[in-house]
Amino acid sequence: MTKVVGRDEIAEAARQVAPWVRRTPILTIEANELGTAHPPLVLKLEQLQHTGTFKARGAHNLLLTADASPAGVPAAGVVAASGGNFGVAIAHAAGRLGHRATVFVPEISSPTKLERLRHLGAEVVVGGAFYADAYEASVEQAGRTGALLAHAYDQPEVVAGAGTCAVELEEQVPDATTVLVAVGGGGLIGGVAGWLQERVRVVAVESTGTPTLHAALDAGEPVDVDLSGIAADSLGARRIGAIGFQAAKRWVDGSVLVTDEAIVDAQRRLWDHVRVAAEPGGATALAALLSGGYQPSASERVAVIICGANVDPATLRT
């Protein structure tokens, strides 16, 4: 059975990445401030992290761990597959730490993310229609060149790095009772649940077009899903990662599905009311709350992780 990433690994990751990542702020949202009635909530503004997503945490933890190992990072550098966000994070971390980076991307990756990858100095290779296709190409490249293979969401160092977001959130909002987390491949939910465990309710949120965890929980094991919709470029893993799935089975209180329309509405409310720019995947967790997919009790202290901001601001205008 796949081993979950727990508090010891995440605490070590937090120590290791602290000099390299931002401690992102929180924003308290009062009742009705986003245009709907609900108890006050807290947003963890992880879209303000380096490269615009939480992915910088896992990328740095992976490369710093490899740097500290006897073998170090190979001369061929690091190779990754990504819908965009993890690739940008790997390119950023590799550049800061002095390593080469090659990123395989699926055809659905947004032009904004591809432009950023190239700007950061990564070699960019289109590797198929979806993330799984790009990943297969990256594995072949790593095997052929000896490069360090970086998995976007199903690698212990990457998941532990993602979990450092929850370490900060618990320090910032010690009275939080519920945390809503968007799920793609499961790296973020694996890290958040691995840190919070039974102490705080963790609720997964997915788009109806990218229901990897929802389908896996129904089937009792990870299964392939068809991908579609507005959030597919960032949440579009075909199958939930093994680490995230095991953490979800143990510590996550189910998966809520939200429509593309709800995600767009959450994006626009964030922009209109608090001037927070979030990509579709970044607004997915909040969409569950605003659409009524998740209905907190009056006594709940809810925190929502806004996990990504790589979006064309023009799309947020009403």
Protein backbone atom coordinates (compact mmCIF):
# COMPACT_ATOMS: atom_id res chain seq x y z
CA MET A 1 0.00 0.00 0.00
CA THR A 2 1.19 3.51 -0.80
CA LYS A 3 2.46 5.32 2.27
CA VAL A 4 0.80 8.64 3.03
CA VAL A 5 2.90 11.72 3.69
CA GLY A 6 2.50 12.66 7.35
CA ARG A 7 3.34 15.37 9.80
CA ASP A 8 7.02 14.49 10.23
CA GLU A 9 7.76 14.74 6.51
CA ILE A 10 5.73 17.93 6.18
CA ALA A 11 7.41 19.55 9.20
CA GLU A 12 10.82 18.78 7.68
CA ALA A 13 9.68 20.21 4.34
CA ALA A 14 8.50 23.37 6.08
CA ARG A 15 11.93 23.80 7.64
CA GLN A 16 13.68 23.14 4.35
CA VAL A 17 11.66 25.41 2.07
CA ALA A 18 11.18 28.30 4.53
CA PRO A 19 14.03 30.41 3.05
CA TRP A 20 12.79 29.79 -0.49
CA VAL A 21 9.00 30.22 -0.48
CA ARG A 22 6.63 32.94 0.65
CA ARG A 23 4.53 32.72 3.76
CA THR A 24 1.33 33.65 1.99
CA PRO A 25 -1.21 35.88 3.76
CA ILE A 26 -4.80 35.22 4.73
CA LEU A 27 -7.81 37.41 4.02
CA THR A 28 -10.88 37.40 6.28
CA ILE A 29 -14.15 37.68 4.35
CA GLU A 30 -17.13 38.93 6.33
CA ALA A 31 -20.65 37.60 5.84
CA ASN A 32 -22.18 38.84 2.55
CA GLU A 33 -18.87 40.34 1.36
CA LEU A 34 -18.76 38.06 -1.68
CA GLY A 35 -22.39 38.72 -2.47
CA THR A 36 -23.93 35.74 -0.72
CA ALA A 37 -24.95 34.94 2.83
CA HIS A 38 -22.60 32.63 4.72
CA PRO A 39 -20.61 32.77 7.94
CA PRO A 40 -17.34 34.72 7.85
CA LEU A 41 -14.54 32.76 6.22
CA VAL A 42 -10.81 33.00 5.64
CA LEU A 43 -9.03 32.81 2.30
CA LYS A 44 -5.48 31.46 2.24
CA LEU A 45 -4.00 33.49 -0.62
CA GLU A 46 -1.70 30.87 -2.03
CA GLN A 47 -2.01 32.43 -5.47
CA LEU A 48 0.50 34.99 -4.13
CA GLN A 49 3.14 32.27 -3.85
CA HIS A 50 6.16 32.35 -6.19
CA THR A 51 4.99 31.52 -9.75
CA GLY A 52 1.36 32.12 -8.75
CA THR A 53 0.48 28.75 -7.20
CA PHE A 54 1.19 26.48 -4.23
CA LYS A 55 3.25 24.31 -6.60
CA ALA A 56 6.41 26.28 -5.79
CA ARG A 57 6.44 24.60 -2.38
CA GLY A 58 6.69 21.04 -3.71
CA ALA A 59 9.10 21.96 -6.49
CA HIS A 60 11.54 23.56 -4.07
CA ASN A 61 11.24 20.72 -1.57
CA LEU A 62 11.98 18.12 -4.26
CA LEU A 63 15.06 19.88 -5.61
CA LEU A 64 16.40 20.87 -2.19
CA THR A 65 16.03 17.27 -1.03
CA ALA A 66 17.87 16.04 -4.12
CA ASP A 67 20.60 18.67 -3.64
CA ALA A 68 21.13 17.45 -0.08
CA SER A 69 21.45 13.80 -1.16
CA PRO A 70 24.85 12.19 -1.90
CA ALA A 71 24.09 11.96 -5.63
CA GLY A 72 22.68 15.47 -5.95
CA VAL A 73 20.66 16.64 -8.95
CA PRO A 74 21.98 14.98 -12.17
CA ALA A 75 23.85 17.02 -14.75
CA ALA A 76 20.88 16.47 -17.08
CA GLY A 77 18.79 18.48 -14.62
CA VAL A 78 15.16 17.86 -13.84
CA VAL A 79 12.34 16.80 -16.14
CA ALA A 80 8.65 17.24 -15.36
CA ALA A 81 5.23 16.96 -16.93
CA SER A 82 2.65 19.60 -16.17
CA GLY A 83 -0.52 21.28 -17.31
CA GLY A 84 1.48 24.44 -16.70
CA ASN A 85 1.58 25.33 -13.02
CA PHE A 86 3.94 22.61 -11.78
CA GLY A 87 6.16 23.11 -14.78
CA VAL A 88 6.42 26.81 -14.03
CA ALA A 89 7.23 26.00 -10.40
CA ILE A 90 9.93 23.49 -11.39
CA ALA A 91 11.42 25.92 -13.89
CA HIS A 92 11.47 28.66 -11.25
CA ALA A 93 13.00 26.45 -8.54
CA ALA A 94 15.55 24.92 -10.93
CA GLY A 95 16.65 28.35 -12.10
CA ARG A 96 17.14 29.58 -8.55
CA LEU A 97 19.07 26.45 -7.56
CA GLY A 98 21.20 26.31 -10.70
CA HIS A 99 19.70 23.33 -12.53
CA ARG A 100 18.42 22.68 -16.05
CA ALA A 101 14.69 22.05 -16.47
CA THR A 102 12.72 20.36 -19.24
CA VAL A 103 8.93 20.52 -19.03
CA PHE A 104 6.52 18.39 -21.06
CA VAL A 105 3.09 19.99 -21.41
CA PRO A 106 -0.23 18.77 -22.83
CA GLU A 107 -1.89 20.51 -25.72
CA ILE A 108 -4.58 21.98 -23.44
CA SER A 109 -2.07 24.08 -21.48
CA SER A 110 -2.90 27.78 -21.52
CA PRO A 111 -0.73 30.13 -23.61
CA THR A 112 -0.17 32.25 -20.50
CA LYS A 113 1.50 29.35 -18.70
CA LEU A 114 3.59 28.28 -21.70
CA GLU A 115 4.90 31.81 -22.15
CA ARG A 116 5.87 31.89 -18.49
CA LEU A 117 7.70 28.57 -18.77
CA ARG A 118 9.83 29.80 -21.61
CA HIS A 119 10.51 33.09 -19.85
CA LEU A 120 11.88 31.13 -16.88
CA GLY A 121 14.37 29.34 -19.13
CA ALA A 122 12.81 25.88 -19.29
CA GLU A 123 12.89 23.76 -22.41
CA VAL A 124 9.21 23.25 -23.28
CA VAL A 125 8.01 20.15 -25.16
CA VAL A 126 4.37 19.47 -26.12
CA GLY A 127 3.78 15.86 -25.12
CA GLY A 128 0.21 14.86 -25.99
CA ALA A 129 -3.39 15.84 -25.49
CA PHE A 130 -3.59 15.60 -21.67
CA TYR A 131 -1.36 15.49 -18.62
CA ALA A 132 -1.04 11.69 -18.66
CA ASP A 133 0.38 11.83 -22.19
CA ALA A 134 2.90 14.50 -21.22
CA TYR A 135 3.87 12.45 -18.17
CA GLU A 136 4.61 9.36 -20.25
CA ALA A 137 6.86 11.46 -22.47
CA SER A 138 8.66 12.91 -19.43
CA VAL A 139 9.32 9.42 -18.02
CA GLU A 140 10.88 8.37 -21.30
CA GLN A 141 13.06 11.48 -21.33
CA ALA A 142 14.22 10.93 -17.74
CA GLY A 143 15.08 7.31 -18.49
CA ARG A 144 17.02 8.24 -21.59
CA THR A 145 18.98 11.18 -20.14
CA GLY A 146 19.30 10.32 -16.45
CA ALA A 147 17.51 13.53 -15.44
CA LEU A 148 15.68 13.74 -12.11
CA LEU A 149 12.03 12.94 -12.72
CA ALA A 150 9.62 15.31 -10.98
CA HIS A 151 5.99 14.23 -10.60
CA ALA A 152 3.48 17.05 -10.39
CA TYR A 153 1.45 15.54 -7.55
CA ASP A 154 2.34 11.94 -6.65
CA GLN A 155 5.87 12.16 -5.23
CA PRO A 156 6.50 12.25 -1.47
CA GLU A 157 8.73 15.33 -1.58
CA VAL A 158 6.23 17.21 -3.73
CA VAL A 159 3.26 16.29 -1.52
CA ALA A 160 5.18 17.19 1.64
CA GLY A 161 6.06 20.54 0.13
CA ALA A 162 2.41 21.20 -0.70
CA GLY A 163 1.53 20.36 2.90
CA THR A 164 3.59 23.31 4.15
CA CYS A 165 0.67 25.49 3.06
CA ALA A 166 -1.43 23.81 5.77
CA VAL A 167 1.33 24.32 8.35
CA GLU A 168 1.07 28.07 7.77
CA LEU A 169 -2.71 28.07 7.64
CA GLU A 170 -3.00 26.30 10.99
CA GLU A 171 -0.68 28.87 12.55
CA GLN A 172 -2.60 31.75 10.98
CA VAL A 173 -6.12 30.45 11.72
CA PRO A 174 -5.80 28.17 14.76
CA ASP A 175 -9.58 28.11 15.26
CA ALA A 176 -10.38 26.87 11.73
CA THR A 177 -12.73 23.89 11.80
CA THR A 178 -13.01 23.23 8.05
CA VAL A 179 -10.65 23.69 5.10
CA LEU A 180 -11.87 23.51 1.49
CA VAL A 181 -9.23 22.32 -0.98
CA ALA A 182 -9.38 22.02 -4.77
CA VAL A 183 -8.27 18.65 -6.15
CA GLY A 184 -6.59 17.81 -9.43
CA GLY A 185 -4.01 15.07 -9.08
CA GLY A 186 -4.15 15.10 -5.29
CA GLY A 187 -0.84 16.65 -4.26
CA LEU A 188 -2.36 19.57 -2.38
CA ILE A 189 -5.12 17.55 -0.70
CA GLY A 190 -2.55 14.89 0.21
CA GLY A 191 -0.32 17.45 1.88
CA VAL A 192 -3.09 19.42 3.59
CA ALA A 193 -4.82 16.30 4.91
CA GLY A 194 -1.48 14.77 5.90
CA TRP A 195 -0.77 17.76 8.11
CA LEU A 196 -4.22 18.51 9.55
CA GLN A 197 -5.38 14.87 9.81
CA GLU A 198 -8.31 14.52 12.24
CA ARG A 199 -7.84 17.91 13.90
CA VAL A 200 -9.63 19.88 11.17
CA ARG A 201 -12.28 18.79 8.65
CA VAL A 202 -10.79 18.72 5.15
CA VAL A 203 -13.26 18.87 2.25
CA ALA A 204 -12.17 18.16 -1.32
CA VAL A 205 -13.68 20.15 -4.19
CA GLU A 206 -13.50 19.16 -7.85
CA SER A 207 -15.03 20.36 -11.08
CA THR A 208 -17.58 18.10 -12.74
CA GLY A 209 -15.17 17.82 -15.67
CA THR A 210 -12.19 16.69 -13.55
CA PRO A 211 -13.63 14.33 -10.88
CA THR A 212 -10.56 12.20 -10.22
CA LEU A 213 -10.95 11.86 -6.45
CA HIS A 214 -14.74 11.63 -6.57
CA ALA A 215 -14.53 8.73 -9.03
CA ALA A 216 -11.78 7.01 -7.03
CA LEU A 217 -13.75 7.21 -3.79
CA ASP A 218 -16.79 5.75 -5.56
CA ALA A 219 -14.72 2.92 -7.05
CA GLY A 220 -12.62 2.27 -3.95
CA GLU A 221 -9.41 2.81 -5.92
CA PRO A 222 -7.88 5.29 -8.38
CA VAL A 223 -9.51 5.04 -11.82
CA ASP A 224 -9.15 6.93 -15.08
CA VAL A 225 -11.71 9.65 -15.80
CA ASP A 226 -12.61 11.62 -18.89
CA LEU A 227 -11.50 15.23 -18.66
CA SER A 228 -13.27 18.37 -19.81
CA GLY A 229 -14.21 21.86 -18.76
CA ILE A 230 -12.74 25.15 -17.73
CA ALA A 231 -10.44 23.82 -14.99
CA ALA A 232 -8.90 20.97 -16.98
CA ASP A 233 -5.61 22.77 -17.62
CA SER A 234 -4.76 22.92 -13.90
CA LEU A 235 -6.96 20.20 -12.34
CA GLY A 236 -6.89 17.85 -15.31
CA ALA A 237 -5.12 14.75 -14.02
CA ARG A 238 -6.70 11.67 -15.57
CA ARG A 239 -6.28 9.65 -12.36
CA ILE A 240 -5.86 10.68 -8.71
CA GLY A 241 -2.37 10.15 -7.32
CA ALA A 242 -1.85 7.22 -4.98
CA ILE A 243 -0.54 9.39 -2.13
CA GLY A 244 -3.45 11.81 -2.32
CA PHE A 245 -5.97 8.99 -2.58
CA GLN A 246 -4.67 7.24 0.53
CA ALA A 247 -4.70 10.53 2.46
CA ALA A 248 -8.24 11.25 1.26
CA LYS A 249 -9.51 7.84 2.31
CA ARG A 250 -8.06 8.37 5.76
CA TRP A 251 -8.64 12.05 6.50
CA VAL A 252 -10.85 13.80 3.89
CA ASP A 253 -14.57 14.33 4.41
CA GLY A 254 -15.68 13.49 0.87
CA SER A 255 -15.55 15.30 -2.44
CA VAL A 256 -17.90 18.07 -3.58
CA LEU A 257 -18.40 18.59 -7.33
CA VAL A 258 -18.96 22.06 -8.81
CA THR A 259 -19.90 23.13 -12.32
CA ASP A 260 -17.89 25.30 -14.67
CA GLU A 261 -20.53 27.99 -14.22
CA ALA A 262 -20.01 27.96 -10.46
CA ILE A 263 -16.24 28.23 -10.91
CA VAL A 264 -16.56 31.21 -13.25
CA ASP A 265 -18.94 32.85 -10.79
CA ALA A 266 -16.42 32.33 -7.96
CA GLN A 267 -13.63 33.81 -10.09
CA ARG A 268 -15.68 36.92 -10.87
CA ARG A 269 -16.86 37.42 -7.30
CA LEU A 270 -13.29 37.20 -6.06
CA TRP A 271 -12.27 39.84 -8.56
CA ASP A 272 -15.32 42.09 -8.23
CA HIS A 273 -15.50 42.10 -4.43
CA VAL A 274 -11.93 41.69 -3.15
CA ARG A 275 -9.75 42.15 -6.26
CA VAL A 276 -8.27 38.66 -6.05
CA ALA A 277 -7.40 37.18 -9.45
CA ALA A 278 -7.75 33.39 -9.48
CA GLU A 279 -7.53 30.90 -12.30
CA PRO A 280 -10.39 28.38 -12.58
CA GLY A 281 -8.59 25.74 -10.53
CA GLY A 282 -7.70 28.38 -7.96
CA ALA A 283 -11.34 29.37 -7.50
CA THR A 284 -12.78 25.84 -7.50
CA ALA A 285 -12.71 25.34 -3.72
CA LEU A 286 -14.50 28.64 -3.13
CA ALA A 287 -17.10 27.72 -5.77
CA ALA A 288 -18.35 24.93 -3.51
CA LEU A 289 -19.16 27.46 -0.80
CA LEU A 290 -20.66 30.15 -3.04
CA SER A 291 -22.81 27.72 -5.04
CA GLY A 292 -24.13 25.88 -2.00
CA GLY A 293 -22.33 22.66 -2.85
CA TYR A 294 -20.87 22.85 0.62
CA GLN A 295 -23.08 24.41 3.28
CA PRO A 296 -21.28 25.15 6.56
CA SER A 297 -23.07 25.39 9.85
CA ALA A 298 -23.18 28.70 11.67
CA SER A 299 -20.55 27.46 14.11
CA GLU A 300 -17.99 26.43 11.49
CA ARG A 301 -14.85 28.49 10.94
CA VAL A 302 -14.16 27.86 7.26
CA ALA A 303 -10.88 28.42 5.45
CA VAL A 304 -10.56 28.18 1.67
CA ILE A 305 -7.25 27.76 -0.16
CA ILE A 306 -7.09 29.96 -3.26
CA CYS A 307 -4.42 27.88 -4.92
CA GLY A 308 -3.62 29.53 -8.26
CA ALA A 309 -3.59 32.86 -10.09
CA ASN A 310 -2.24 32.08 -13.56
CA VAL A 311 -5.13 33.59 -15.49
CA ASP A 312 -5.60 36.28 -18.13
CA PRO A 313 -7.11 39.17 -16.11
CA ALA A 314 -9.26 40.11 -19.12
CA THR A 315 -11.34 36.97 -18.54
CA LEU A 316 -12.38 38.21 -15.09
CA ARG A 317 -14.16 41.34 -16.29
CA THR A 318 -17.91 41.35 -16.00
